[in-house]
Amino acid sequence: MEDALYEIQSMRRFAGLRMSGSLPDETAVLNCRHFLGRHEAGRCLFEGIQLHLESQGLKRQEGSILVR
């Protein structure tokens, strides 16, 4: 993830990050991942995203977002 944030502009834009600022390192990314896992927040986020996509007429299928 750390490498992707440095290399892929669209991922930085999605995360609201800029190269001129500091980007999270591997430790920060893993700490966030473990926090989400411990509190099952990942599932809650995923369900919220799913509801938002559905409200916009979009459908998630096999890890992709498809326009209906």
PDB file of N, CA and C in Angstrom:
ATOM      1  N   MET A   1       0.827  -1.188   0.000  1.00  0.00           N
ATOM      2  CA  MET A   1       0.000   0.000   0.000  1.00  0.00           C
ATOM      3  C   MET A   1       0.867   1.245   0.000  1.00  0.00           C
ATOM      4  N   GLU A   2       1.923   1.218   0.792  1.00  0.00           N
ATOM      5  CA  GLU A   2       2.808   2.384   0.856  1.00  0.00           C
ATOM      6  C   GLU A   2       3.378   2.685  -0.521  1.00  0.00           C
ATOM      7  N   ASP A   3       3.856   1.652  -1.213  1.00  0.00           N
ATOM      8  CA  ASP A   3       4.406   1.847  -2.557  1.00  0.00           C
ATOM      9  C   ASP A   3       3.344   2.370  -3.517  1.00  0.00           C
ATOM     10  N   ALA A   4       2.141   1.826  -3.410  1.00  0.00           N
ATOM     11  CA  ALA A   4       1.063   2.251  -4.306  1.00  0.00           C
ATOM     12  C   ALA A   4       0.746   3.732  -4.120  1.00  0.00           C
ATOM     13  N   LEU A   5       0.770   4.202  -2.874  1.00  0.00           N
ATOM     14  CA  LEU A   5       0.487   5.616  -2.631  1.00  0.00           C
ATOM     15  C   LEU A   5       1.563   6.515  -3.242  1.00  0.00           C
ATOM     16  N   TYR A   6       2.783   6.041  -3.286  1.00  0.00           N
ATOM     17  CA  TYR A   6       3.852   6.815  -3.914  1.00  0.00           C
ATOM     18  C   TYR A   6       3.754   6.775  -5.442  1.00  0.00           C
ATOM     19  N   GLU A   7       3.325   5.634  -5.981  1.00  0.00           N
ATOM     20  CA  GLU A   7       3.403   5.418  -7.425  1.00  0.00           C
ATOM     21  C   GLU A   7       2.126   5.731  -8.197  1.00  0.00           C
ATOM     22  N   ILE A   8       0.976   5.671  -7.553  1.00  0.00           N
ATOM     23  CA  ILE A   8      -0.293   5.771  -8.284  1.00  0.00           C
ATOM     24  C   ILE A   8      -1.053   7.018  -7.835  1.00  0.00           C
ATOM     25  N   GLN A   9      -1.110   7.991  -8.727  1.00  0.00           N
ATOM     26  CA  GLN A   9      -1.742   9.273  -8.400  1.00  0.00           C
ATOM     27  C   GLN A   9      -3.214   9.118  -8.043  1.00  0.00           C
ATOM     28  N   SER A  10      -3.937   8.250  -8.738  1.00  0.00           N
ATOM     29  CA  SER A  10      -5.368   8.101  -8.468  1.00  0.00           C
ATOM     30  C   SER A  10      -5.615   7.568  -7.054  1.00  0.00           C
ATOM     31  N   MET A  11      -4.704   6.740  -6.537  1.00  0.00           N
ATOM     32  CA  MET A  11      -4.864   6.244  -5.170  1.00  0.00           C
ATOM     33  C   MET A  11      -4.629   7.355  -4.151  1.00  0.00           C
ATOM     34  N   ARG A  12      -3.636   8.199  -4.413  1.00  0.00           N
ATOM     35  CA  ARG A  12      -3.404   9.348  -3.523  1.00  0.00           C
ATOM     36  C   ARG A  12      -4.607  10.276  -3.538  1.00  0.00           C
ATOM     37  N   ARG A  13      -5.134  10.536  -4.715  1.00  0.00           N
ATOM     38  CA  ARG A  13      -6.287  11.431  -4.835  1.00  0.00           C
ATOM     39  C   ARG A  13      -7.487  10.842  -4.073  1.00  0.00           C
ATOM     40  N   PHE A  14      -7.713   9.531  -4.232  1.00  0.00           N
ATOM     41  CA  PHE A  14      -8.813   8.867  -3.528  1.00  0.00           C
ATOM     42  C   PHE A  14      -8.646   8.993  -2.020  1.00  0.00           C
ATOM     43  N   ALA A  15      -7.411   8.854  -1.536  1.00  0.00           N
ATOM     44  CA  ALA A  15      -7.131   8.928  -0.105  1.00  0.00           C
ATOM     45  C   ALA A  15      -7.012  10.363   0.391  1.00  0.00           C
ATOM     46  N   GLY A  16      -7.063  11.329  -0.515  1.00  0.00           N
ATOM     47  CA  GLY A  16      -6.941  12.730  -0.120  1.00  0.00           C
ATOM     48  C   GLY A  16      -5.533  13.108   0.289  1.00  0.00           C
ATOM     49  N   LEU A  17      -4.533  12.457  -0.316  1.00  0.00           N
ATOM     50  CA  LEU A  17      -3.133  12.707   0.019  1.00  0.00           C
ATOM     51  C   LEU A  17      -2.416  13.383  -1.142  1.00  0.00           C
ATOM     52  N   ARG A  18      -1.335  14.094  -0.827  1.00  0.00           N
ATOM     53  CA  ARG A  18      -0.511  14.747  -1.844  1.00  0.00           C
ATOM     54  C   ARG A  18       0.938  14.374  -1.621  1.00  0.00           C
ATOM     55  N   MET A  19       1.708  14.348  -2.695  1.00  0.00           N
ATOM     56  CA  MET A  19       3.130  14.047  -2.594  1.00  0.00           C
ATOM     57  C   MET A  19       3.857  15.125  -1.789  1.00  0.00           C
ATOM     58  N   SER A  20       3.318  16.345  -1.783  1.00  0.00           N
ATOM     59  CA  SER A  20       3.971  17.432  -1.045  1.00  0.00           C
ATOM     60  C   SER A  20       3.827  17.257   0.467  1.00  0.00           C
ATOM     61  N   GLY A  21       2.877  16.429   0.895  1.00  0.00           N
ATOM     62  CA  GLY A  21       2.701  16.139   2.311  1.00  0.00           C
ATOM     63  C   GLY A  21       3.334  14.806   2.650  1.00  0.00           C
ATOM     64  N   SER A  22       3.182  14.398   3.891  1.00  0.00           N
ATOM     65  CA  SER A  22       3.736  13.098   4.262  1.00  0.00           C
ATOM     66  C   SER A  22       2.722  12.006   3.940  1.00  0.00           C
ATOM     67  N   LEU A  23       3.229  10.897   3.425  1.00  0.00           N
ATOM     68  CA  LEU A  23       2.385   9.749   3.117  1.00  0.00           C
ATOM     69  C   LEU A  23       2.569   8.709   4.218  1.00  0.00           C
ATOM     70  N   PRO A  24       1.514   7.935   4.516  1.00  0.00           N
ATOM     71  CA  PRO A  24       1.649   6.926   5.572  1.00  0.00           C
ATOM     72  C   PRO A  24       2.659   5.848   5.167  1.00  0.00           C
ATOM     73  N   ASP A  25       3.443   5.399   6.146  1.00  0.00           N
ATOM     74  CA  ASP A  25       4.395   4.336   5.868  1.00  0.00           C
ATOM     75  C   ASP A  25       3.732   2.981   6.134  1.00  0.00           C
ATOM     76  N   GLU A  26       4.494   1.910   5.927  1.00  0.00           N
ATOM     77  CA  GLU A  26       3.956   0.563   6.066  1.00  0.00           C
ATOM     78  C   GLU A  26       3.392   0.324   7.467  1.00  0.00           C
ATOM     79  N   THR A  27       4.069   0.823   8.490  1.00  0.00           N
ATOM     80  CA  THR A  27       3.613   0.642   9.868  1.00  0.00           C
ATOM     81  C   THR A  27       2.253   1.303  10.082  1.00  0.00           C
ATOM     82  N   ALA A  28       2.073   2.504   9.577  1.00  0.00           N
ATOM     83  CA  ALA A  28       0.789   3.207   9.739  1.00  0.00           C
ATOM     84  C   ALA A  28      -0.328   2.459   9.026  1.00  0.00           C
ATOM     85  N   VAL A  29      -0.038   1.967   7.827  1.00  0.00           N
ATOM     86  CA  VAL A  29      -1.050   1.220   7.067  1.00  0.00           C
ATOM     87  C   VAL A  29      -1.436  -0.055   7.810  1.00  0.00           C
ATOM     88  N   LEU A  30      -0.442  -0.790   8.328  1.00  0.00           N
ATOM     89  CA  LEU A  30      -0.732  -2.027   9.056  1.00  0.00           C
ATOM     90  C   LEU A  30      -1.460  -1.755  10.368  1.00  0.00           C
ATOM     91  N   ASN A  31      -1.082  -0.695  11.066  1.00  0.00           N
ATOM     92  CA  ASN A  31      -1.795  -0.347  12.301  1.00  0.00           C
ATOM     93  C   ASN A  31      -3.264  -0.068  12.023  1.00  0.00           C
ATOM     94  N   CYS A  32      -3.545   0.633  10.946  1.00  0.00           N
ATOM     95  CA  CYS A  32      -4.925   0.929  10.555  1.00  0.00           C
ATOM     96  C   CYS A  32      -5.661  -0.370  10.211  1.00  0.00           C
ATOM     97  N   ARG A  33      -5.015  -1.221   9.451  1.00  0.00           N
ATOM     98  CA  ARG A  33      -5.628  -2.495   9.058  1.00  0.00           C
ATOM     99  C   ARG A  33      -5.952  -3.344  10.281  1.00  0.00           C
ATOM    100  N   HIS A  34      -5.017  -3.430  11.224  1.00  0.00           N
ATOM    101  CA  HIS A  34      -5.251  -4.224  12.434  1.00  0.00           C
ATOM    102  C   HIS A  34      -6.348  -3.613  13.299  1.00  0.00           C
ATOM    103  N   PHE A  35      -6.394  -2.288  13.394  1.00  0.00           N
ATOM    104  CA  PHE A  35      -7.448  -1.615  14.145  1.00  0.00           C
ATOM    105  C   PHE A  35      -8.818  -1.947  13.554  1.00  0.00           C
ATOM    106  N   LEU A  36      -8.921  -1.837  12.229  1.00  0.00           N
ATOM    107  CA  LEU A  36     -10.194  -2.146  11.568  1.00  0.00           C
ATOM    108  C   LEU A  36     -10.601  -3.591  11.827  1.00  0.00           C
ATOM    109  N   GLY A  37      -9.631  -4.494  11.775  1.00  0.00           N
ATOM    110  CA  GLY A  37      -9.918  -5.903  12.008  1.00  0.00           C
ATOM    111  C   GLY A  37     -10.369  -6.187  13.431  1.00  0.00           C
ATOM    112  N   ARG A  38      -9.709  -5.597  14.410  1.00  0.00           N
ATOM    113  CA  ARG A  38     -10.065  -5.818  15.819  1.00  0.00           C
ATOM    114  C   ARG A  38     -11.474  -5.336  16.126  1.00  0.00           C
ATOM    115  N   HIS A  39     -11.878  -4.261  15.505  1.00  0.00           N
ATOM    116  CA  HIS A  39     -13.188  -3.657  15.815  1.00  0.00           C
ATOM    117  C   HIS A  39     -14.248  -3.968  14.759  1.00  0.00           C
ATOM    118  N   GLU A  40     -13.926  -4.856  13.842  1.00  0.00           N
ATOM    119  CA  GLU A  40     -14.834  -5.233  12.751  1.00  0.00           C
ATOM    120  C   GLU A  40     -15.374  -4.014  12.011  1.00  0.00           C
ATOM    121  N   ALA A  41     -14.573  -2.955  11.993  1.00  0.00           N
ATOM    122  CA  ALA A  41     -14.992  -1.730  11.322  1.00  0.00           C
ATOM    123  C   ALA A  41     -14.930  -1.886   9.800  1.00  0.00           C
ATOM    124  N   GLY A  42     -14.066  -2.777   9.339  1.00  0.00           N
ATOM    125  CA  GLY A  42     -13.972  -3.006   7.892  1.00  0.00           C
ATOM    126  C   GLY A  42     -15.301  -3.455   7.315  1.00  0.00           C
ATOM    127  N   ARG A  43     -15.966  -4.355   8.020  1.00  0.00           N
ATOM    128  CA  ARG A  43     -17.268  -4.844   7.563  1.00  0.00           C
ATOM    129  C   ARG A  43     -18.285  -3.707   7.525  1.00  0.00           C
ATOM    130  N   CYS A  44     -18.269  -2.868   8.548  1.00  0.00           N
ATOM    131  CA  CYS A  44     -19.191  -1.726   8.621  1.00  0.00           C
ATOM    132  C   CYS A  44     -18.926  -0.754   7.472  1.00  0.00           C
ATOM    133  N   LEU A  45     -17.651  -0.462   7.216  1.00  0.00           N
ATOM    134  CA  LEU A  45     -17.296   0.421   6.100  1.00  0.00           C
ATOM    135  C   LEU A  45     -17.755  -0.170   4.774  1.00  0.00           C
ATOM    136  N   PHE A  46     -17.496  -1.470   4.589  1.00  0.00           N
ATOM    137  CA  PHE A  46     -17.880  -2.134   3.343  1.00  0.00           C
ATOM    138  C   PHE A  46     -19.386  -2.060   3.125  1.00  0.00           C
ATOM    139  N   GLU A  47     -20.146  -2.314   4.172  1.00  0.00           N
ATOM    140  CA  GLU A  47     -21.609  -2.254   4.050  1.00  0.00           C
ATOM    141  C   GLU A  47     -22.075  -0.839   3.725  1.00  0.00           C
ATOM    142  N   GLY A  48     -21.451   0.167   4.339  1.00  0.00           N
ATOM    143  CA  GLY A  48     -21.805   1.559   4.047  1.00  0.00           C
ATOM    144  C   GLY A  48     -21.496   1.926   2.607  1.00  0.00           C
ATOM    145  N   ILE A  49     -20.355   1.478   2.113  1.00  0.00           N
ATOM    146  CA  ILE A  49     -19.986   1.734   0.722  1.00  0.00           C
ATOM    147  C   ILE A  49     -20.958   1.050  -0.211  1.00  0.00           C
ATOM    148  N   GLN A  50     -21.330  -0.183   0.124  1.00  0.00           N
ATOM    149  CA  GLN A  50     -22.290  -0.923  -0.705  1.00  0.00           C
ATOM    150  C   GLN A  50     -23.617  -0.170  -0.789  1.00  0.00           C
ATOM    151  N   LEU A  51     -24.095   0.321   0.332  1.00  0.00           N
ATOM    152  CA  LEU A  51     -25.357   1.073   0.343  1.00  0.00           C
ATOM    153  C   LEU A  51     -25.249   2.345  -0.489  1.00  0.00           C
ATOM    154  N   HIS A  52     -24.124   3.027  -0.378  1.00  0.00           N
ATOM    155  CA  HIS A  52     -23.920   4.246  -1.162  1.00  0.00           C
ATOM    156  C   HIS A  52     -23.911   3.928  -2.656  1.00  0.00           C
ATOM    157  N   LEU A  53     -23.192   2.889  -3.053  1.00  0.00           N
ATOM    158  CA  LEU A  53     -23.156   2.516  -4.471  1.00  0.00           C
ATOM    159  C   LEU A  53     -24.556   2.195  -4.984  1.00  0.00           C
ATOM    160  N   GLU A  54     -25.304   1.432  -4.199  1.00  0.00           N
ATOM    161  CA  GLU A  54     -26.660   1.071  -4.608  1.00  0.00           C
ATOM    162  C   GLU A  54     -27.535   2.313  -4.744  1.00  0.00           C
ATOM    163  N   SER A  55     -27.373   3.287  -3.854  1.00  0.00           N
ATOM    164  CA  SER A  55     -28.183   4.504  -3.927  1.00  0.00           C
ATOM    165  C   SER A  55     -27.849   5.326  -5.167  1.00  0.00           C
ATOM    166  N   GLN A  56     -26.658   5.117  -5.718  1.00  0.00           N
ATOM    167  CA  GLN A  56     -26.233   5.823  -6.926  1.00  0.00           C
ATOM    168  C   GLN A  56     -26.503   5.008  -8.191  1.00  0.00           C
ATOM    169  N   GLY A  57     -27.178   3.865  -8.031  1.00  0.00           N
ATOM    170  CA  GLY A  57     -27.489   3.016  -9.173  1.00  0.00           C
ATOM    171  C   GLY A  57     -26.305   2.207  -9.664  1.00  0.00           C
ATOM    172  N   LEU A  58     -25.321   1.988  -8.794  1.00  0.00           N
ATOM    173  CA  LEU A  58     -24.144   1.211  -9.169  1.00  0.00           C
ATOM    174  C   LEU A  58     -24.196  -0.148  -8.498  1.00  0.00           C
ATOM    175  N   LYS A  59     -23.520  -1.105  -9.111  1.00  0.00           N
ATOM    176  CA  LYS A  59     -23.518  -2.455  -8.590  1.00  0.00           C
ATOM    177  C   LYS A  59     -22.087  -2.954  -8.506  1.00  0.00           C
ATOM    178  N   ARG A  60     -21.734  -3.531  -7.357  1.00  0.00           N
ATOM    179  CA  ARG A  60     -20.411  -4.123  -7.182  1.00  0.00           C
ATOM    180  C   ARG A  60     -20.527  -5.604  -7.529  1.00  0.00           C
ATOM    181  N   GLN A  61     -19.591  -6.058  -8.348  1.00  0.00           N
ATOM    182  CA  GLN A  61     -19.614  -7.463  -8.741  1.00  0.00           C
ATOM    183  C   GLN A  61     -18.197  -7.967  -8.874  1.00  0.00           C
ATOM    184  N   GLU A  62     -17.843  -8.995  -8.121  1.00  0.00           N
ATOM    185  CA  GLU A  62     -16.522  -9.614  -8.162  1.00  0.00           C
ATOM    186  C   GLU A  62     -15.397  -8.601  -8.012  1.00  0.00           C
ATOM    187  N   GLY A  63     -15.555  -7.683  -7.066  1.00  0.00           N
ATOM    188  CA  GLY A  63     -14.501  -6.721  -6.796  1.00  0.00           C
ATOM    189  C   GLY A  63     -14.450  -5.544  -7.749  1.00  0.00           C
ATOM    190  N   SER A  64     -15.383  -5.444  -8.663  1.00  0.00           N
ATOM    191  CA  SER A  64     -15.433  -4.335  -9.611  1.00  0.00           C
ATOM    192  C   SER A  64     -16.692  -3.519  -9.378  1.00  0.00           C
ATOM    193  N   ILE A  65     -16.646  -2.279  -9.786  1.00  0.00           N
ATOM    194  CA  ILE A  65     -17.827  -1.433  -9.727  1.00  0.00           C
ATOM    195  C   ILE A  65     -18.335  -1.297 -11.167  1.00  0.00           C
ATOM    196  N   LEU A  66     -19.565  -1.688 -11.373  1.00  0.00           N
ATOM    197  CA  LEU A  66     -20.150  -1.642 -12.713  1.00  0.00           C
ATOM    198  C   LEU A  66     -21.297  -0.660 -12.728  1.00  0.00           C
ATOM    199  N   VAL A  67     -21.399   0.083 -13.806  1.00  0.00           N
ATOM    200  CA  VAL A  67     -22.507   1.009 -13.972  1.00  0.00           C
ATOM    201  C   VAL A  67     -23.709   0.224 -14.473  1.00  0.00           C
ATOM    202  N   ARG A  68     -24.846   0.466 -13.874  1.00  0.00           N
ATOM    203  CA  ARG A  68     -26.045  -0.254 -14.268  1.00  0.00           C
ATOM    204  C   ARG A  68     -26.633   0.360 -15.498  1.00  0.00           C
TER     205      ARG A  68
END
